[in-house]
C-alpha cells in the first residue's frame, strides 16, 4: 500500500514517484525493456532501481548519501555588503 501511495501520490517527490512506478510495473510482470519504454527511463536505470528494491526494499528507493560539501540554504548566508 505504501508503494502505491508513493507511486501515485501527488505530494511525493517526482523522482521517488517514478522509482516506485518502476517497481510496481515489475510486480505486474513487465519486462525491463517495456518499463523503460513506458516510463521514458534508460534500461540501465530501470535495472538499477529494480535491483536496489530487491536488495533493500522501500527505503532503497530514496537517494543514497553522497560525499562532498552539503548544500547551503540561501537563508544561512551572511548578508552581502552593498557598495
C-alpha atoms as a PDB file:
ATOM      1  CA  UNK A   1       0.000   0.000   0.000  1.00  0.00           C
ATOM      2  CA  UNK A   2       2.820   2.428   0.824  1.00  0.00           C
ATOM      3  CA  UNK A   3       4.401   1.683  -2.542  1.00  0.00           C
ATOM      4  CA  UNK A   4       1.185   2.542  -4.390  1.00  0.00           C
ATOM      5  CA  UNK A   5       0.818   5.737  -2.384  1.00  0.00           C
ATOM      6  CA  UNK A   6       4.398   6.637  -3.228  1.00  0.00           C
ATOM      7  CA  UNK A   7       3.881   5.827  -6.912  1.00  0.00           C
ATOM      8  CA  UNK A   8       0.689   7.813  -7.362  1.00  0.00           C
ATOM      9  CA  UNK A   9       0.731  10.366  -4.550  1.00  0.00           C
ATOM     10  CA  UNK A  10       0.598  13.987  -5.609  1.00  0.00           C
ATOM     11  CA  UNK A  11       2.794  15.096  -2.727  1.00  0.00           C
ATOM     12  CA  UNK A  12       5.517  12.549  -3.481  1.00  0.00           C
ATOM     13  CA  UNK A  13       8.732  13.881  -4.952  1.00  0.00           C
ATOM     14  CA  UNK A  14       8.833  13.206  -8.711  1.00  0.00           C
ATOM     15  CA  UNK A  15      11.937  11.033  -8.707  1.00  0.00           C
ATOM     16  CA  UNK A  16      10.573   8.835  -5.894  1.00  0.00           C
ATOM     17  CA  UNK A  17       7.250   8.547  -7.714  1.00  0.00           C
ATOM     18  CA  UNK A  18       8.959   7.320 -10.896  1.00  0.00           C
ATOM     19  CA  UNK A  19      11.086   4.810  -8.970  1.00  0.00           C
ATOM     20  CA  UNK A  20       8.015   3.416  -7.224  1.00  0.00           C
ATOM     21  CA  UNK A  21       6.213   3.123 -10.560  1.00  0.00           C
ATOM     22  CA  UNK A  22       9.148   1.101 -11.914  1.00  0.00           C
ATOM     23  CA  UNK A  23       8.788  -1.355  -9.031  1.00  0.00           C
ATOM     24  CA  UNK A  24       5.017  -1.611  -9.469  1.00  0.00           C
ATOM     25  CA  UNK A  25       5.376  -2.297 -13.205  1.00  0.00           C
ATOM     26  CA  UNK A  26       7.886  -5.029 -12.363  1.00  0.00           C
ATOM     27  CA  UNK A  27       5.484  -6.557  -9.851  1.00  0.00           C
ATOM     28  CA  UNK A  28       2.923  -6.798 -12.645  1.00  0.00           C
ATOM     29  CA  UNK A  29       5.392  -8.919 -14.618  1.00  0.00           C
ATOM     30  CA  UNK A  30       6.506  -6.352 -17.170  1.00  0.00           C
ATOM     31  CA  UNK A  31       9.971  -6.647 -18.669  1.00  0.00           C
ATOM     32  CA  UNK A  32      12.714  -4.105 -18.017  1.00  0.00           C
ATOM     33  CA  UNK A  33      12.582  -3.016 -21.666  1.00  0.00           C
ATOM     34  CA  UNK A  34       8.838  -2.396 -21.523  1.00  0.00           C
ATOM     35  CA  UNK A  35       9.117  -0.498 -18.226  1.00  0.00           C
ATOM     36  CA  UNK A  36      11.892   1.672 -19.691  1.00  0.00           C
ATOM     37  CA  UNK A  37       9.818   2.396 -22.781  1.00  0.00           C
ATOM     38  CA  UNK A  38       6.670   3.249 -20.796  1.00  0.00           C
ATOM     39  CA  UNK A  39       8.400   5.439 -18.218  1.00  0.00           C
ATOM     40  CA  UNK A  40      10.884   7.103 -20.555  1.00  0.00           C
ATOM     41  CA  UNK A  41      13.844   5.909 -18.490  1.00  0.00           C
ATOM     42  CA  UNK A  42      17.005   4.257 -19.731  1.00  0.00           C
ATOM     43  CA  UNK A  43      17.061   0.461 -19.471  1.00  0.00           C
ATOM     44  CA  UNK A  44      20.036   0.577 -17.087  1.00  0.00           C
ATOM     45  CA  UNK A  45      18.131   2.951 -14.790  1.00  0.00           C
ATOM     46  CA  UNK A  46      15.209   0.524 -14.609  1.00  0.00           C
ATOM     47  CA  UNK A  47      17.593  -2.326 -13.790  1.00  0.00           C
ATOM     48  CA  UNK A  48      19.264  -0.257 -11.076  1.00  0.00           C
ATOM     49  CA  UNK A  49      16.032   0.630  -9.251  1.00  0.00           C
ATOM     50  CA  UNK A  50      14.610  -2.875  -9.524  1.00  0.00           C
ATOM     51  CA  UNK A  51      17.856  -4.266  -8.113  1.00  0.00           C
ATOM     52  CA  UNK A  52      18.021  -1.814  -5.248  1.00  0.00           C
ATOM     53  CA  UNK A  53      14.416  -2.500  -4.319  1.00  0.00           C
ATOM     54  CA  UNK A  54      15.042  -6.266  -4.412  1.00  0.00           C
ATOM     55  CA  UNK A  55      18.040  -5.864  -2.090  1.00  0.00           C
ATOM     56  CA  UNK A  56      16.709  -3.421   0.487  1.00  0.00           C
ATOM     57  CA  UNK A  57      13.001  -2.801  -0.091  1.00  0.00           C
ATOM     58  CA  UNK A  58      11.198   0.528   0.024  1.00  0.00           C
ATOM     59  CA  UNK A  59      13.959   2.545   1.777  1.00  0.00           C
ATOM     60  CA  UNK A  60      16.293   1.734  -1.141  1.00  0.00           C
ATOM     61  CA  UNK A  61      14.243   3.931  -3.475  1.00  0.00           C
ATOM     62  CA  UNK A  62      15.458   7.064  -1.718  1.00  0.00           C
ATOM     63  CA  UNK A  63      18.682   8.771  -2.754  1.00  0.00           C
ATOM     64  CA  UNK A  64      21.860   7.497  -1.151  1.00  0.00           C
ATOM     65  CA  UNK A  65      24.113   9.756   0.874  1.00  0.00           C
ATOM     66  CA  UNK A  66      26.760  11.367  -1.290  1.00  0.00           C
ATOM     67  CA  UNK A  67      30.138  12.679  -0.393  1.00  0.00           C
ATOM     68  CA  UNK A  68      31.007  16.289  -0.889  1.00  0.00           C
ATOM     69  CA  UNK A  69      30.044  19.601   0.537  1.00  0.00           C
ATOM     70  CA  UNK A  70      26.483  19.751   1.895  1.00  0.00           C
ATOM     71  CA  UNK A  71      24.150  22.243   0.212  1.00  0.00           C
ATOM     72  CA  UNK A  72      23.798  25.632   1.869  1.00  0.00           C
ATOM     73  CA  UNK A  73      20.476  27.278   2.335  1.00  0.00           C
ATOM     74  CA  UNK A  74      20.280  30.852   0.992  1.00  0.00           C
ATOM     75  CA  UNK A  75      18.838  31.895   4.364  1.00  0.00           C
ATOM     76  CA  UNK A  76      22.052  30.866   6.147  1.00  0.00           C
ATOM     77  CA  UNK A  77      24.385  33.011   4.099  1.00  0.00           C
ATOM     78  CA  UNK A  78      25.767  36.164   5.684  1.00  0.00           C
ATOM     79  CA  UNK A  79      24.305  39.364   4.239  1.00  0.00           C
ATOM     80  CA  UNK A  80      26.250  40.806   1.318  1.00  0.00           C
ATOM     81  CA  UNK A  81      27.561  44.303   1.732  1.00  0.00           C
ATOM     82  CA  UNK A  82      26.293  46.868  -0.733  1.00  0.00           C
ATOM     83  CA  UNK A  83      28.758  49.176  -2.373  1.00  0.00           C
END
